[in-house]
């Protein structure tokens, strides 16, 4: 089953927060207008997860994604895509606030 196509009108985002034992502590889903590609959806899901973790005061955090390019964008600063940079900057601010 293909969940995302360029013809999609909406993208489904989801985040799951677990404790060190693997128990689910918080979860969220949302539907956003399709913004062009999967990497944007991945970055937005991470942003929503960080906001949720801050809201329920869960810390420290380990951020996981199935997208290697997205984690490189966030943690290594590797991105030449302007549309991702603003979202990544917001993610980095939230990460820095947690440290």
PDB file of N, CA and C in Angstrom:
ATOM      1  N   UNK A   1       0.835  -1.165   0.000  1.00  0.00           N
ATOM      2  CA  UNK A   1       0.000   0.000   0.000  1.00  0.00           C
ATOM      3  C   UNK A   1       0.890   1.242   0.000  1.00  0.00           C
ATOM      4  N   UNK A   2       0.659   2.143  -0.907  1.00  0.00           N
ATOM      5  CA  UNK A   2       1.428   3.375  -0.985  1.00  0.00           C
ATOM      6  C   UNK A   2       0.678   4.469  -0.236  1.00  0.00           C
ATOM      7  N   UNK A   3       1.350   5.064   0.761  1.00  0.00           N
ATOM      8  CA  UNK A   3       0.693   6.063   1.596  1.00  0.00           C
ATOM      9  C   UNK A   3       0.930   7.486   1.127  1.00  0.00           C
ATOM     10  N   UNK A   4       1.892   7.682   0.272  1.00  0.00           N
ATOM     11  CA  UNK A   4       2.213   9.036  -0.162  1.00  0.00           C
ATOM     12  C   UNK A   4       2.472   9.029  -1.652  1.00  0.00           C
ATOM     13  N   UNK A   5       1.882   9.964  -2.351  1.00  0.00           N
ATOM     14  CA  UNK A   5       2.163  10.163  -3.769  1.00  0.00           C
ATOM     15  C   UNK A   5       2.208  11.654  -4.033  1.00  0.00           C
ATOM     16  N   UNK A   6       2.791  12.044  -5.138  1.00  0.00           N
ATOM     17  CA  UNK A   6       2.833  13.464  -5.492  1.00  0.00           C
ATOM     18  C   UNK A   6       1.436  14.024  -5.733  1.00  0.00           C
ATOM     19  N   UNK A   7       0.475  13.163  -6.012  1.00  0.00           N
ATOM     20  CA  UNK A   7      -0.886  13.613  -6.258  1.00  0.00           C
ATOM     21  C   UNK A   7      -1.687  13.758  -4.961  1.00  0.00           C
ATOM     22  N   UNK A   8      -1.103  13.357  -3.844  1.00  0.00           N
ATOM     23  CA  UNK A   8      -1.821  13.421  -2.573  1.00  0.00           C
ATOM     24  C   UNK A   8      -2.151  14.862  -2.217  1.00  0.00           C
ATOM     25  N   UNK A   9      -3.319  15.061  -1.639  1.00  0.00           N
ATOM     26  CA  UNK A   9      -3.746  16.388  -1.229  1.00  0.00           C
ATOM     27  C   UNK A   9      -3.285  16.669   0.200  1.00  0.00           C
ATOM     28  N   UNK A  10      -3.235  15.633   1.032  1.00  0.00           N
ATOM     29  CA  UNK A  10      -2.826  15.783   2.420  1.00  0.00           C
ATOM     30  C   UNK A  10      -1.731  14.778   2.756  1.00  0.00           C
ATOM     31  N   UNK A  11      -0.930  15.122   3.748  1.00  0.00           N
ATOM     32  CA  UNK A  11       0.080  14.206   4.286  1.00  0.00           C
ATOM     33  C   UNK A  11      -0.291  13.919   5.731  1.00  0.00           C
ATOM     34  N   UNK A  12      -0.212  12.664   6.123  1.00  0.00           N
ATOM     35  CA  UNK A  12      -0.457  12.293   7.512  1.00  0.00           C
ATOM     36  C   UNK A  12       0.857  12.296   8.282  1.00  0.00           C
ATOM     37  N   UNK A  13       0.886  13.001   9.401  1.00  0.00           N
ATOM     38  CA  UNK A  13       2.081  13.069  10.238  1.00  0.00           C
ATOM     39  C   UNK A  13       1.796  12.346  11.542  1.00  0.00           C
ATOM     40  N   UNK A  14       2.822  11.730  12.096  1.00  0.00           N
ATOM     41  CA  UNK A  14       2.650  11.069  13.374  1.00  0.00           C
ATOM     42  C   UNK A  14       3.938  11.064  14.163  1.00  0.00           C
ATOM     43  N   UNK A  15       3.804  11.113  15.474  1.00  0.00           N
ATOM     44  CA  UNK A  15       4.978  11.006  16.336  1.00  0.00           C
ATOM     45  C   UNK A  15       4.605  10.155  17.542  1.00  0.00           C
ATOM     46  N   UNK A  16       5.587   9.474  18.059  1.00  0.00           N
ATOM     47  CA  UNK A  16       5.402   8.560  19.178  1.00  0.00           C
ATOM     48  C   UNK A  16       6.547   8.792  20.144  1.00  0.00           C
ATOM     49  N   UNK A  17       6.226   8.975  21.401  1.00  0.00           N
ATOM     50  CA  UNK A  17       7.249   9.201  22.419  1.00  0.00           C
ATOM     51  C   UNK A  17       7.194   8.038  23.395  1.00  0.00           C
ATOM     52  N   UNK A  18       8.341   7.373  23.553  1.00  0.00           N
ATOM     53  CA  UNK A  18       8.448   6.225  24.460  1.00  0.00           C
ATOM     54  C   UNK A  18       9.456   6.543  25.558  1.00  0.00           C
ATOM     55  N   UNK A  19       9.304   5.878  26.688  1.00  0.00           N
ATOM     56  CA  UNK A  19      10.307   6.016  27.733  1.00  0.00           C
ATOM     57  C   UNK A  19      11.436   5.019  27.484  1.00  0.00           C
ATOM     58  N   UNK A  20      12.408   4.985  28.398  1.00  0.00           N
ATOM     59  CA  UNK A  20      13.578   4.124  28.193  1.00  0.00           C
ATOM     60  C   UNK A  20      13.229   2.639  28.219  1.00  0.00           C
ATOM     61  N   UNK A  21      12.051   2.289  28.714  1.00  0.00           N
ATOM     62  CA  UNK A  21      11.612   0.894  28.731  1.00  0.00           C
ATOM     63  C   UNK A  21      10.748   0.545  27.529  1.00  0.00           C
ATOM     64  N   UNK A  22      10.476   1.526  26.684  1.00  0.00           N
ATOM     65  CA  UNK A  22       9.694   1.289  25.481  1.00  0.00           C
ATOM     66  C   UNK A  22       8.204   1.539  25.628  1.00  0.00           C
ATOM     67  N   UNK A  23       7.770   1.939  26.818  1.00  0.00           N
ATOM     68  CA  UNK A  23       6.345   2.220  27.030  1.00  0.00           C
ATOM     69  C   UNK A  23       5.981   3.555  26.371  1.00  0.00           C
ATOM     70  N   UNK A  24       4.827   3.602  25.747  1.00  0.00           N
ATOM     71  CA  UNK A  24       4.376   4.826  25.082  1.00  0.00           C
ATOM     72  C   UNK A  24       3.982   5.852  26.139  1.00  0.00           C
ATOM     73  N   UNK A  25       4.592   7.031  26.046  1.00  0.00           N
ATOM     74  CA  UNK A  25       4.310   8.120  26.982  1.00  0.00           C
ATOM     75  C   UNK A  25       3.387   9.169  26.371  1.00  0.00           C
ATOM     76  N   UNK A  26       3.483   9.353  25.067  1.00  0.00           N
ATOM     77  CA  UNK A  26       2.641  10.327  24.365  1.00  0.00           C
ATOM     78  C   UNK A  26       2.675   9.997  22.879  1.00  0.00           C
ATOM     79  N   UNK A  27       1.618  10.383  22.186  1.00  0.00           N
ATOM     80  CA  UNK A  27       1.549  10.171  20.740  1.00  0.00           C
ATOM     81  C   UNK A  27       0.654  11.243  20.140  1.00  0.00           C
ATOM     82  N   UNK A  28       0.884  11.522  18.879  1.00  0.00           N
ATOM     83  CA  UNK A  28       0.058  12.516  18.190  1.00  0.00           C
ATOM     84  C   UNK A  28       0.046  12.215  16.699  1.00  0.00           C
ATOM     85  N   UNK A  29      -1.045  12.563  16.070  1.00  0.00           N
ATOM     86  CA  UNK A  29      -1.145  12.497  14.614  1.00  0.00           C
ATOM     87  C   UNK A  29      -1.785  13.783  14.134  1.00  0.00           C
ATOM     88  N   UNK A  30      -1.506  14.123  12.901  1.00  0.00           N
ATOM     89  CA  UNK A  30      -2.152  15.290  12.305  1.00  0.00           C
ATOM     90  C   UNK A  30      -2.177  15.129  10.795  1.00  0.00           C
ATOM     91  N   UNK A  31      -3.003  15.910  10.190  1.00  0.00           N
ATOM     92  CA  UNK A  31      -3.124  15.914   8.732  1.00  0.00           C
ATOM     93  C   UNK A  31      -2.768  17.318   8.264  1.00  0.00           C
ATOM     94  N   UNK A  32      -1.799  17.408   7.370  1.00  0.00           N
ATOM     95  CA  UNK A  32      -1.341  18.695   6.845  1.00  0.00           C
ATOM     96  C   UNK A  32      -1.529  18.711   5.339  1.00  0.00           C
ATOM     97  N   UNK A  33      -1.701  19.889   4.774  1.00  0.00           N
ATOM     98  CA  UNK A  33      -1.716  19.963   3.308  1.00  0.00           C
ATOM     99  C   UNK A  33      -0.408  19.405   2.768  1.00  0.00           C
ATOM    100  N   UNK A  34      -0.474  18.663   1.701  1.00  0.00           N
ATOM    101  CA  UNK A  34       0.721  18.072   1.104  1.00  0.00           C
ATOM    102  C   UNK A  34       1.656  19.191   0.673  1.00  0.00           C
ATOM    103  N   UNK A  35       2.887  19.143   1.172  1.00  0.00           N
ATOM    104  CA  UNK A  35       3.819  20.241   0.954  1.00  0.00           C
ATOM    105  C   UNK A  35       4.904  19.918  -0.050  1.00  0.00           C
ATOM    106  N   UNK A  36       4.776  18.860  -0.791  1.00  0.00           N
ATOM    107  CA  UNK A  36       5.737  18.620  -1.854  1.00  0.00           C
ATOM    108  C   UNK A  36       6.473  17.308  -1.815  1.00  0.00           C
ATOM    109  N   UNK A  37       6.983  16.908  -0.648  1.00  0.00           N
ATOM    110  CA  UNK A  37       7.709  15.641  -0.619  1.00  0.00           C
ATOM    111  C   UNK A  37       7.768  15.054   0.782  1.00  0.00           C
ATOM    112  N   UNK A  38       8.289  13.851   0.849  1.00  0.00           N
ATOM    113  CA  UNK A  38       8.329  13.101   2.093  1.00  0.00           C
ATOM    114  C   UNK A  38       9.260  13.746   3.110  1.00  0.00           C
ATOM    115  N   UNK A  39      10.380  14.308   2.675  1.00  0.00           N
ATOM    116  CA  UNK A  39      11.321  14.906   3.623  1.00  0.00           C
ATOM    117  C   UNK A  39      10.683  16.045   4.401  1.00  0.00           C
ATOM    118  N   UNK A  40       9.863  16.836   3.751  1.00  0.00           N
ATOM    119  CA  UNK A  40       9.176  17.915   4.459  1.00  0.00           C
ATOM    120  C   UNK A  40       8.237  17.323   5.506  1.00  0.00           C
ATOM    121  N   UNK A  41       7.515  16.281   5.151  1.00  0.00           N
ATOM    122  CA  UNK A  41       6.619  15.631   6.109  1.00  0.00           C
ATOM    123  C   UNK A  41       7.402  15.045   7.282  1.00  0.00           C
ATOM    124  N   UNK A  42       8.549  14.435   7.017  1.00  0.00           N
ATOM    125  CA  UNK A  42       9.383  13.868   8.079  1.00  0.00           C
ATOM    126  C   UNK A  42       9.860  14.956   9.038  1.00  0.00           C
ATOM    127  N   UNK A  43      10.331  16.070   8.496  1.00  0.00           N
ATOM    128  CA  UNK A  43      10.826  17.168   9.325  1.00  0.00           C
ATOM    129  C   UNK A  43       9.686  17.752  10.161  1.00  0.00           C
ATOM    130  N   UNK A  44       8.514  17.905   9.562  1.00  0.00           N
ATOM    131  CA  UNK A  44       7.362  18.420  10.306  1.00  0.00           C
ATOM    132  C   UNK A  44       6.945  17.460  11.419  1.00  0.00           C
ATOM    133  N   UNK A  45       7.030  16.154  11.177  1.00  0.00           N
ATOM    134  CA  UNK A  45       6.687  15.173  12.211  1.00  0.00           C
ATOM    135  C   UNK A  45       7.658  15.265  13.387  1.00  0.00           C
ATOM    136  N   UNK A  46       8.941  15.442  13.101  1.00  0.00           N
ATOM    137  CA  UNK A  46       9.929  15.598  14.174  1.00  0.00           C
ATOM    138  C   UNK A  46       9.645  16.872  14.959  1.00  0.00           C
ATOM    139  N   UNK A  47       9.335  17.948  14.268  1.00  0.00           N
ATOM    140  CA  UNK A  47       9.005  19.206  14.942  1.00  0.00           C
ATOM    141  C   UNK A  47       7.795  19.022  15.863  1.00  0.00           C
ATOM    142  N   UNK A  48       6.760  18.366  15.373  1.00  0.00           N
ATOM    143  CA  UNK A  48       5.573  18.126  16.197  1.00  0.00           C
ATOM    144  C   UNK A  48       5.912  17.250  17.404  1.00  0.00           C
ATOM    145  N   UNK A  49       6.778  16.255  17.210  1.00  0.00           N
ATOM    146  CA  UNK A  49       7.189  15.397  18.319  1.00  0.00           C
ATOM    147  C   UNK A  49       7.938  16.163  19.393  1.00  0.00           C
ATOM    148  N   UNK A  50       8.816  17.068  18.978  1.00  0.00           N
ATOM    149  CA  UNK A  50       9.549  17.886  19.943  1.00  0.00           C
ATOM    150  C   UNK A  50       8.613  18.812  20.710  1.00  0.00           C
ATOM    151  N   UNK A  51       7.651  19.382  20.012  1.00  0.00           N
ATOM    152  CA  UNK A  51       6.680  20.257  20.679  1.00  0.00           C
ATOM    153  C   UNK A  51       5.838  19.464  21.675  1.00  0.00           C
ATOM    154  N   UNK A  52       5.450  18.249  21.294  1.00  0.00           N
ATOM    155  CA  UNK A  52       4.679  17.393  22.189  1.00  0.00           C
ATOM    156  C   UNK A  52       5.504  17.025  23.420  1.00  0.00           C
ATOM    157  N   UNK A  53       6.762  16.677  23.225  1.00  0.00           N
ATOM    158  CA  UNK A  53       7.635  16.329  24.351  1.00  0.00           C
ATOM    159  C   UNK A  53       7.790  17.510  25.304  1.00  0.00           C
ATOM    160  N   UNK A  54       7.916  18.711  24.764  1.00  0.00           N
ATOM    161  CA  UNK A  54       8.022  19.905  25.607  1.00  0.00           C
ATOM    162  C   UNK A  54       6.716  20.149  26.361  1.00  0.00           C
ATOM    163  N   UNK A  55       5.606  19.917  25.688  1.00  0.00           N
ATOM    164  CA  UNK A  55       4.288  20.141  26.288  1.00  0.00           C
ATOM    165  C   UNK A  55       4.042  19.223  27.483  1.00  0.00           C
ATOM    166  N   UNK A  56       4.470  17.980  27.377  1.00  0.00           N
ATOM    167  CA  UNK A  56       4.263  17.026  28.466  1.00  0.00           C
ATOM    168  C   UNK A  56       5.520  16.868  29.324  1.00  0.00           C
ATOM    169  N   UNK A  57       6.475  17.769  29.125  1.00  0.00           N
ATOM    170  CA  UNK A  57       7.734  17.854  29.876  1.00  0.00           C
ATOM    171  C   UNK A  57       8.475  16.522  29.972  1.00  0.00           C
ATOM    172  N   UNK A  58       8.748  15.935  28.823  1.00  0.00           N
ATOM    173  CA  UNK A  58       9.541  14.711  28.757  1.00  0.00           C
ATOM    174  C   UNK A  58      10.949  15.052  28.290  1.00  0.00           C
ATOM    175  N   UNK A  59      11.940  14.657  29.073  1.00  0.00           N
ATOM    176  CA  UNK A  59      13.323  14.946  28.743  1.00  0.00           C
ATOM    177  C   UNK A  59      14.182  13.975  29.545  1.00  0.00           C
ATOM    178  N   UNK A  60      15.325  13.565  29.105  1.00  0.00           N
ATOM    179  CA  UNK A  60      15.990  13.840  27.829  1.00  0.00           C
ATOM    180  C   UNK A  60      15.329  13.078  26.690  1.00  0.00           C
ATOM    181  N   UNK A  61      15.721  13.432  25.481  1.00  0.00           N
ATOM    182  CA  UNK A  61      15.092  12.864  24.291  1.00  0.00           C
ATOM    183  C   UNK A  61      16.108  12.204  23.380  1.00  0.00           C
ATOM    184  N   UNK A  62      15.660  11.178  22.686  1.00  0.00           N
ATOM    185  CA  UNK A  62      16.387  10.589  21.564  1.00  0.00           C
ATOM    186  C   UNK A  62      15.458  10.723  20.371  1.00  0.00           C
ATOM    187  N   UNK A  63      15.922  11.385  19.334  1.00  0.00           N
ATOM    188  CA  UNK A  63      15.104  11.586  18.136  1.00  0.00           C
ATOM    189  C   UNK A  63      15.473  10.517  17.128  1.00  0.00           C
ATOM    190  N   UNK A  64      14.465   9.812  16.626  1.00  0.00           N
ATOM    191  CA  UNK A  64      14.683   8.783  15.618  1.00  0.00           C
ATOM    192  C   UNK A  64      13.824   9.067  14.403  1.00  0.00           C
ATOM    193  N   UNK A  65      14.352   8.739  13.248  1.00  0.00           N
ATOM    194  CA  UNK A  65      13.614   8.890  11.996  1.00  0.00           C
ATOM    195  C   UNK A  65      14.075   7.797  11.054  1.00  0.00           C
ATOM    196  N   UNK A  66      13.194   7.376  10.166  1.00  0.00           N
ATOM    197  CA  UNK A  66      13.609   6.393   9.171  1.00  0.00           C
ATOM    198  C   UNK A  66      14.212   7.071   7.949  1.00  0.00           C
ATOM    199  N   UNK A  67      14.419   8.370   8.033  1.00  0.00           N
ATOM    200  CA  UNK A  67      15.002   9.119   6.923  1.00  0.00           C
ATOM    201  C   UNK A  67      16.396   9.614   7.305  1.00  0.00           C
ATOM    202  N   UNK A  68      17.412   8.964   6.754  1.00  0.00           N
ATOM    203  CA  UNK A  68      18.790   9.357   7.021  1.00  0.00           C
ATOM    204  C   UNK A  68      19.064  10.784   6.559  1.00  0.00           C
ATOM    205  N   UNK A  69      18.504  11.168   5.433  1.00  0.00           N
ATOM    206  CA  UNK A  69      18.750  12.524   4.938  1.00  0.00           C
ATOM    207  C   UNK A  69      18.176  13.565   5.889  1.00  0.00           C
ATOM    208  N   UNK A  70      17.023  13.287   6.488  1.00  0.00           N
ATOM    209  CA  UNK A  70      16.424  14.238   7.427  1.00  0.00           C
ATOM    210  C   UNK A  70      17.279  14.365   8.685  1.00  0.00           C
ATOM    211  N   UNK A  71      17.756  13.247   9.229  1.00  0.00           N
ATOM    212  CA  UNK A  71      18.603  13.352  10.414  1.00  0.00           C
ATOM    213  C   UNK A  71      19.911  14.063  10.090  1.00  0.00           C
ATOM    214  N   UNK A  72      20.445  13.871   8.891  1.00  0.00           N
ATOM    215  CA  UNK A  72      21.630  14.626   8.486  1.00  0.00           C
ATOM    216  C   UNK A  72      21.326  16.112   8.390  1.00  0.00           C
ATOM    217  N   UNK A  73      20.165  16.459   7.844  1.00  0.00           N
ATOM    218  CA  UNK A  73      19.771  17.866   7.762  1.00  0.00           C
ATOM    219  C   UNK A  73      19.774  18.491   9.153  1.00  0.00           C
ATOM    220  N   UNK A  74      19.208  17.784  10.115  1.00  0.00           N
ATOM    221  CA  UNK A  74      19.030  18.344  11.455  1.00  0.00           C
ATOM    222  C   UNK A  74      20.332  18.370  12.242  1.00  0.00           C
ATOM    223  N   UNK A  75      21.058  17.259  12.275  1.00  0.00           N
ATOM    224  CA  UNK A  75      22.192  17.143  13.180  1.00  0.00           C
ATOM    225  C   UNK A  75      23.541  17.471  12.558  1.00  0.00           C
ATOM    226  N   UNK A  76      23.644  17.410  11.246  1.00  0.00           N
ATOM    227  CA  UNK A  76      24.915  17.717  10.598  1.00  0.00           C
ATOM    228  C   UNK A  76      24.850  18.996   9.785  1.00  0.00           C
ATOM    229  N   UNK A  77      23.675  19.589   9.702  1.00  0.00           N
ATOM    230  CA  UNK A  77      23.533  20.846   8.983  1.00  0.00           C
ATOM    231  C   UNK A  77      23.659  20.712   7.485  1.00  0.00           C
ATOM    232  N   UNK A  78      23.397  19.514   6.959  1.00  0.00           N
ATOM    233  CA  UNK A  78      23.548  19.280   5.529  1.00  0.00           C
ATOM    234  C   UNK A  78      22.200  19.467   4.850  1.00  0.00           C
ATOM    235  N   UNK A  79      21.982  20.646   4.279  1.00  0.00           N
ATOM    236  CA  UNK A  79      20.757  20.886   3.523  1.00  0.00           C
ATOM    237  C   UNK A  79      20.956  22.086   2.621  1.00  0.00           C
ATOM    238  N   UNK A  80      20.660  21.891   1.374  1.00  0.00           N
ATOM    239  CA  UNK A  80      20.692  23.015   0.442  1.00  0.00           C
ATOM    240  C   UNK A  80      19.273  23.395   0.053  1.00  0.00           C
ATOM    241  N   UNK A  81      18.300  22.840   0.761  1.00  0.00           N
ATOM    242  CA  UNK A  81      16.897  23.052   0.431  1.00  0.00           C
ATOM    243  C   UNK A  81      16.309  24.125   1.329  1.00  0.00           C
ATOM    244  N   UNK A  82      16.025  25.260   0.750  1.00  0.00           N
ATOM    245  CA  UNK A  82      15.508  26.388   1.506  1.00  0.00           C
ATOM    246  C   UNK A  82      14.224  26.102   2.245  1.00  0.00           C
ATOM    247  N   UNK A  83      13.336  25.311   1.633  1.00  0.00           N
ATOM    248  CA  UNK A  83      12.045  25.047   2.272  1.00  0.00           C
ATOM    249  C   UNK A  83      12.191  24.221   3.549  1.00  0.00           C
ATOM    250  N   UNK A  84      13.296  23.507   3.694  1.00  0.00           N
ATOM    251  CA  UNK A  84      13.526  22.734   4.914  1.00  0.00           C
ATOM    252  C   UNK A  84      14.233  23.545   5.993  1.00  0.00           C
ATOM    253  N   UNK A  85      15.009  24.534   5.579  1.00  0.00           N
ATOM    254  CA  UNK A  85      15.871  25.237   6.523  1.00  0.00           C
ATOM    255  C   UNK A  85      15.118  25.937   7.646  1.00  0.00           C
ATOM    256  N   UNK A  86      13.989  26.568   7.366  1.00  0.00           N
ATOM    257  CA  UNK A  86      13.236  27.249   8.421  1.00  0.00           C
ATOM    258  C   UNK A  86      12.705  26.261   9.453  1.00  0.00           C
ATOM    259  N   UNK A  87      12.205  25.129   8.990  1.00  0.00           N
ATOM    260  CA  UNK A  87      11.687  24.113   9.910  1.00  0.00           C
ATOM    261  C   UNK A  87      12.832  23.522  10.728  1.00  0.00           C
ATOM    262  N   UNK A  88      13.959  23.260  10.084  1.00  0.00           N
ATOM    263  CA  UNK A  88      15.121  22.702  10.773  1.00  0.00           C
ATOM    264  C   UNK A  88      15.642  23.679  11.822  1.00  0.00           C
ATOM    265  N   UNK A  89      15.639  24.971  11.515  1.00  0.00           N
ATOM    266  CA  UNK A  89      16.063  25.978  12.498  1.00  0.00           C
ATOM    267  C   UNK A  89      15.172  25.929  13.734  1.00  0.00           C
ATOM    268  N   UNK A  90      13.876  25.784  13.534  1.00  0.00           N
ATOM    269  CA  UNK A  90      12.949  25.694  14.665  1.00  0.00           C
ATOM    270  C   UNK A  90      13.213  24.428  15.480  1.00  0.00           C
ATOM    271  N   UNK A  91      13.511  23.322  14.803  1.00  0.00           N
ATOM    272  CA  UNK A  91      13.845  22.075  15.496  1.00  0.00           C
ATOM    273  C   UNK A  91      15.101  22.263  16.333  1.00  0.00           C
ATOM    274  N   UNK A  92      16.117  22.885  15.770  1.00  0.00           N
ATOM    275  CA  UNK A  92      17.375  23.090  16.500  1.00  0.00           C
ATOM    276  C   UNK A  92      17.170  23.969  17.725  1.00  0.00           C
ATOM    277  N   UNK A  93      16.311  24.976  17.619  1.00  0.00           N
ATOM    278  CA  UNK A  93      16.007  25.828  18.777  1.00  0.00           C
ATOM    279  C   UNK A  93      15.392  24.985  19.893  1.00  0.00           C
ATOM    280  N   UNK A  94      14.439  24.132  19.550  1.00  0.00           N
ATOM    281  CA  UNK A  94      13.805  23.276  20.558  1.00  0.00           C
ATOM    282  C   UNK A  94      14.803  22.297  21.171  1.00  0.00           C
ATOM    283  N   UNK A  95      15.693  21.745  20.359  1.00  0.00           N
ATOM    284  CA  UNK A  95      16.717  20.830  20.874  1.00  0.00           C
ATOM    285  C   UNK A  95      17.644  21.573  21.830  1.00  0.00           C
ATOM    286  N   UNK A  96      18.057  22.776  21.453  1.00  0.00           N
ATOM    287  CA  UNK A  96      18.951  23.564  22.305  1.00  0.00           C
ATOM    288  C   UNK A  96      18.282  23.934  23.626  1.00  0.00           C
ATOM    289  N   UNK A  97      16.983  24.198  23.605  1.00  0.00           N
ATOM    290  CA  UNK A  97      16.259  24.524  24.837  1.00  0.00           C
ATOM    291  C   UNK A  97      16.225  23.331  25.779  1.00  0.00           C
ATOM    292  N   UNK A  98      16.232  22.128  25.216  1.00  0.00           N
ATOM    293  CA  UNK A  98      16.179  20.912  26.032  1.00  0.00           C
ATOM    294  C   UNK A  98      17.516  20.618  26.692  1.00  0.00           C
ATOM    295  N   UNK A  99      18.600  21.107  26.110  1.00  0.00           N
ATOM    296  CA  UNK A  99      19.945  20.817  26.651  1.00  0.00           C
ATOM    297  C   UNK A  99      20.328  21.730  27.774  1.00  0.00           C
TER     298      UNK A  99
END
